[in-house]
Amino acid sequence: MKISIHQPEHFPYEGFFQKMSSSDYFVILDNVKYRKNYFQNRNRFLNTNGIEEWFGVSVPKKSTSMNICDVMTLDNSVNGWRDSVLKKIKYNLSLDMSETYRFDRLVDINMSSIEWCKKKLGIDTQIVMASSLGVKGQKSELLLNICLAMDAKSYISGPSGIDYLDMDIFKDKNVDVEIFQPDVKNYYSMLYNIALSK
């Protein structure tokens, strides 16, 4: 059995879903620290003028001390972020994504965004939340423990895995590591690419 593991990004890019479709199970790494100014709460598209634009979810400043699965959104009344992002997507991509942005937890919004793209792309890979597996560890050890909990024989890593993974611990447990190389037309949000293909 092959699995891949990835943090729950916000309307991820095409390579995220290519890796998902090459796996038997796709594990969402929601039990690690939230990272500020990354793709966990935002992503990019080209607007109607061909200019790169960010869109996403506002979260409290204290979120960097929390695991992704525990991060809440800012109340819309604070800065109107929810109204703003829905308006931005509707204007630039002609899509109504109000169902996706109705949640109060960041991970629920992100999972809704991932499931929306997954359905549009016709991917049937089963998703498992890492927080449901009860595994512990840091970095490579955590990833290996997820593989062992899933009884995986092969772990599909993203291209940067070659720089940080401790390959020896996977080899010791007879888990093969495959380095996946995405083949993408751009690195913008899949939401943008799906909207373009309509």
Protein backbone atom coordinates (compact mmCIF):
# COMPACT_ATOMS: atom_id res chain seq x y z
CA MET A 1 0.00 0.00 0.00
CA LYS A 2 1.23 3.48 -0.91
CA ILE A 3 0.49 6.56 1.16
CA SER A 4 1.40 10.20 0.88
CA ILE A 5 1.29 12.80 3.63
CA HIS A 6 0.73 16.53 3.35
CA GLN A 7 -0.31 19.44 5.52
CA PRO A 8 -3.84 20.74 4.88
CA GLU A 9 -3.16 23.67 2.60
CA HIS A 10 -5.75 26.18 1.43
CA PHE A 11 -7.02 25.30 -2.06
CA PRO A 12 -3.64 23.65 -2.82
CA TYR A 13 -1.80 23.69 -6.13
CA GLU A 14 -1.98 21.03 -8.84
CA GLY A 15 0.98 18.96 -7.58
CA PHE A 16 -0.81 18.33 -4.27
CA PHE A 17 -3.58 16.53 -6.14
CA GLN A 18 -1.21 14.71 -8.46
CA LYS A 19 0.50 13.25 -5.40
CA MET A 20 -2.89 12.40 -3.92
CA SER A 21 -4.03 10.56 -7.06
CA SER A 22 -0.84 8.46 -7.08
CA SER A 23 -1.55 7.19 -3.53
CA ASP A 24 -3.81 4.55 -2.05
CA TYR A 25 -4.36 6.76 1.01
CA PHE A 26 -3.63 10.45 1.48
CA VAL A 27 -2.88 11.47 5.06
CA ILE A 28 -3.58 15.06 6.09
CA LEU A 29 -0.88 16.18 8.53
CA ASP A 30 -3.10 18.33 10.73
CA ASN A 31 -1.35 17.61 14.05
CA VAL A 32 1.73 19.82 13.49
CA LYS A 33 2.27 23.53 14.20
CA TYR A 34 0.54 26.15 12.10
CA ARG A 35 3.00 28.10 9.97
CA LYS A 36 2.48 31.82 9.46
CA ASN A 37 2.53 33.38 5.98
CA TYR A 38 2.52 30.05 4.19
CA PHE A 39 -0.10 28.10 2.25
CA GLN A 40 -2.03 26.82 5.27
CA ASN A 41 -4.37 29.80 5.31
CA ARG A 42 -3.90 31.35 1.87
CA ASN A 43 -3.05 30.79 -1.78
CA ARG A 44 -2.69 32.67 -5.06
CA PHE A 45 -4.35 33.11 -8.40
CA LEU A 46 -4.09 35.47 -11.34
CA ASN A 47 -6.89 38.02 -11.22
CA THR A 48 -8.89 39.25 -14.20
CA ASN A 49 -6.07 41.69 -15.01
CA GLY A 50 -3.46 38.91 -15.03
CA ILE A 51 -1.95 40.11 -11.75
CA GLU A 52 -1.01 37.65 -8.99
CA GLU A 53 -3.33 38.00 -6.02
CA TRP A 54 -3.53 36.30 -2.60
CA PHE A 55 -6.79 35.03 -1.09
CA GLY A 56 -7.51 33.16 2.09
CA VAL A 57 -8.50 32.98 5.73
CA SER A 58 -7.73 35.40 8.57
CA VAL A 59 -6.57 33.69 11.78
CA PRO A 60 -5.53 35.08 15.19
CA LYS A 61 -1.87 35.97 15.81
CA LYS A 62 -1.65 33.32 18.56
CA SER A 63 -2.21 30.59 15.92
CA THR A 64 1.55 29.99 15.48
CA SER A 65 1.60 28.34 18.91
CA MET A 66 -1.13 25.88 17.95
CA ASN A 67 -1.45 22.74 15.88
CA ILE A 68 -3.21 23.26 12.56
CA CYS A 69 -6.21 21.21 13.70
CA ASP A 70 -6.81 23.66 16.59
CA VAL A 71 -6.56 26.96 14.69
CA MET A 72 -9.79 28.97 14.58
CA THR A 73 -10.65 31.71 12.11
CA LEU A 74 -11.01 35.34 13.08
CA ASP A 75 -14.62 36.37 13.53
CA ASN A 76 -15.83 37.94 10.28
CA SER A 77 -16.92 41.03 12.25
CA VAL A 78 -13.26 41.82 13.07
CA ASN A 79 -12.09 42.60 9.54
CA GLY A 80 -14.76 41.24 7.18
CA TRP A 81 -12.32 38.68 5.75
CA ARG A 82 -15.03 36.13 4.89
CA ASP A 83 -17.09 38.61 2.89
CA SER A 84 -13.94 39.90 1.21
CA VAL A 85 -12.61 36.51 0.08
CA LEU A 86 -15.99 35.38 -1.25
CA LYS A 87 -16.33 38.62 -3.22
CA LYS A 88 -12.78 38.27 -4.58
CA ILE A 89 -13.33 34.69 -5.77
CA LYS A 90 -16.73 35.52 -7.27
CA TYR A 91 -15.38 38.55 -9.15
CA ASN A 92 -12.17 36.95 -10.46
CA LEU A 93 -13.16 33.29 -10.90
CA SER A 94 -16.98 33.45 -11.19
CA LEU A 95 -17.37 30.87 -8.42
CA ASP A 96 -19.56 30.91 -5.31
CA MET A 97 -17.47 29.28 -2.56
CA SER A 98 -19.66 30.24 0.41
CA GLU A 99 -20.07 26.57 1.42
CA THR A 100 -16.31 26.19 1.80
CA TYR A 101 -15.88 29.32 3.92
CA ARG A 102 -18.79 28.70 6.30
CA PHE A 103 -16.64 26.91 8.92
CA ASP A 104 -14.96 28.41 11.99
CA ARG A 105 -11.92 26.11 12.09
CA LEU A 106 -9.15 26.62 9.55
CA VAL A 107 -8.73 22.87 8.99
CA ASP A 108 -12.44 22.49 8.17
CA ILE A 109 -12.25 25.25 5.56
CA ASN A 110 -9.09 23.72 4.10
CA MET A 111 -10.56 20.24 4.01
CA SER A 112 -13.65 21.61 2.30
CA SER A 113 -11.39 23.28 -0.28
CA ILE A 114 -9.44 20.05 -0.80
CA GLU A 115 -12.59 17.92 -1.10
CA TRP A 116 -14.10 20.40 -3.58
CA CYS A 117 -11.02 20.19 -5.83
CA LYS A 118 -10.75 16.42 -5.38
CA LYS A 119 -14.34 15.97 -6.55
CA LYS A 120 -13.87 18.29 -9.54
CA LEU A 121 -10.73 16.35 -10.54
CA GLY A 122 -12.40 12.96 -10.16
CA ILE A 123 -9.90 11.68 -7.57
CA ASP A 124 -11.17 8.84 -5.36
CA THR A 125 -8.16 8.42 -3.04
CA GLN A 126 -9.30 8.03 0.56
CA ILE A 127 -8.23 10.77 2.98
CA VAL A 128 -7.16 10.08 6.59
CA MET A 129 -6.49 12.74 9.23
CA ALA A 130 -3.15 12.26 11.02
CA SER A 131 -4.72 13.51 14.27
CA SER A 132 -7.02 10.45 14.20
CA LEU A 133 -4.10 8.00 14.19
CA GLY A 134 -2.72 8.78 17.66
CA VAL A 135 0.88 8.83 16.44
CA LYS A 136 3.76 10.79 18.00
CA GLY A 137 7.16 11.98 16.88
CA GLN A 138 8.94 14.81 15.12
CA LYS A 139 9.90 15.28 11.46
CA SER A 140 10.91 11.99 9.78
CA GLU A 141 9.97 9.96 12.84
CA LEU A 142 6.41 11.29 12.76
CA LEU A 143 6.07 10.53 9.05
CA LEU A 144 7.43 7.02 9.55
CA ASN A 145 5.06 6.41 12.48
CA ILE A 146 2.14 7.44 10.29
CA CYS A 147 3.29 4.94 7.65
CA LEU A 148 3.53 2.20 10.28
CA ALA A 149 0.11 3.05 11.73
CA MET A 150 -1.34 2.79 8.22
CA ASP A 151 0.59 -0.43 7.49
CA ALA A 152 2.06 1.27 4.42
CA LYS A 153 4.81 -0.41 2.43
CA SER A 154 5.64 2.73 0.45
CA TYR A 155 5.72 6.44 1.33
CA ILE A 156 5.38 8.95 -1.51
CA SER A 157 7.24 12.12 -0.55
CA GLY A 158 7.22 15.49 -2.24
CA PRO A 159 10.38 16.60 -4.10
CA SER A 160 11.80 18.45 -1.07
CA GLY A 161 11.74 15.21 0.96
CA ILE A 162 15.12 14.29 -0.46
CA ASP A 163 16.60 17.24 1.49
CA TYR A 164 15.12 16.55 4.93
CA LEU A 165 14.01 12.93 5.25
CA ASP A 166 16.05 10.49 7.31
CA MET A 167 15.92 7.67 4.76
CA ASP A 168 17.67 5.19 7.06
CA ILE A 169 14.81 4.99 9.56
CA PHE A 170 12.36 4.18 6.75
CA LYS A 171 14.73 1.55 5.40
CA ASP A 172 15.09 0.00 8.87
CA LYS A 173 11.32 -0.51 9.00
CA ASN A 174 11.08 -1.78 5.40
CA VAL A 175 9.13 1.24 4.17
CA ASP A 176 10.15 2.31 0.67
CA VAL A 177 10.39 6.05 -0.02
CA GLU A 178 9.43 7.36 -3.45
CA ILE A 179 10.25 10.97 -4.35
CA PHE A 180 7.35 12.37 -6.33
CA GLN A 181 8.05 14.99 -9.00
CA PRO A 182 4.94 16.98 -9.90
CA ASP A 183 4.29 17.93 -13.51
CA VAL A 184 2.30 21.16 -13.29
CA LYS A 185 1.40 23.98 -15.66
CA ASN A 186 1.71 26.54 -12.85
CA TYR A 187 1.93 26.78 -9.06
CA TYR A 188 -1.28 28.74 -8.52
CA SER A 189 -4.21 27.41 -6.52
CA MET A 190 -6.10 24.50 -8.08
CA LEU A 191 -9.23 26.60 -7.59
CA TYR A 192 -7.85 28.97 -10.24
CA ASN A 193 -6.93 26.17 -12.62
CA ILE A 194 -10.33 24.50 -12.27
CA ALA A 195 -12.07 27.86 -12.88
CA LEU A 196 -9.95 28.37 -16.03
CA SER A 197 -10.96 24.96 -17.39
CA LYS A 198 -14.70 25.63 -17.16
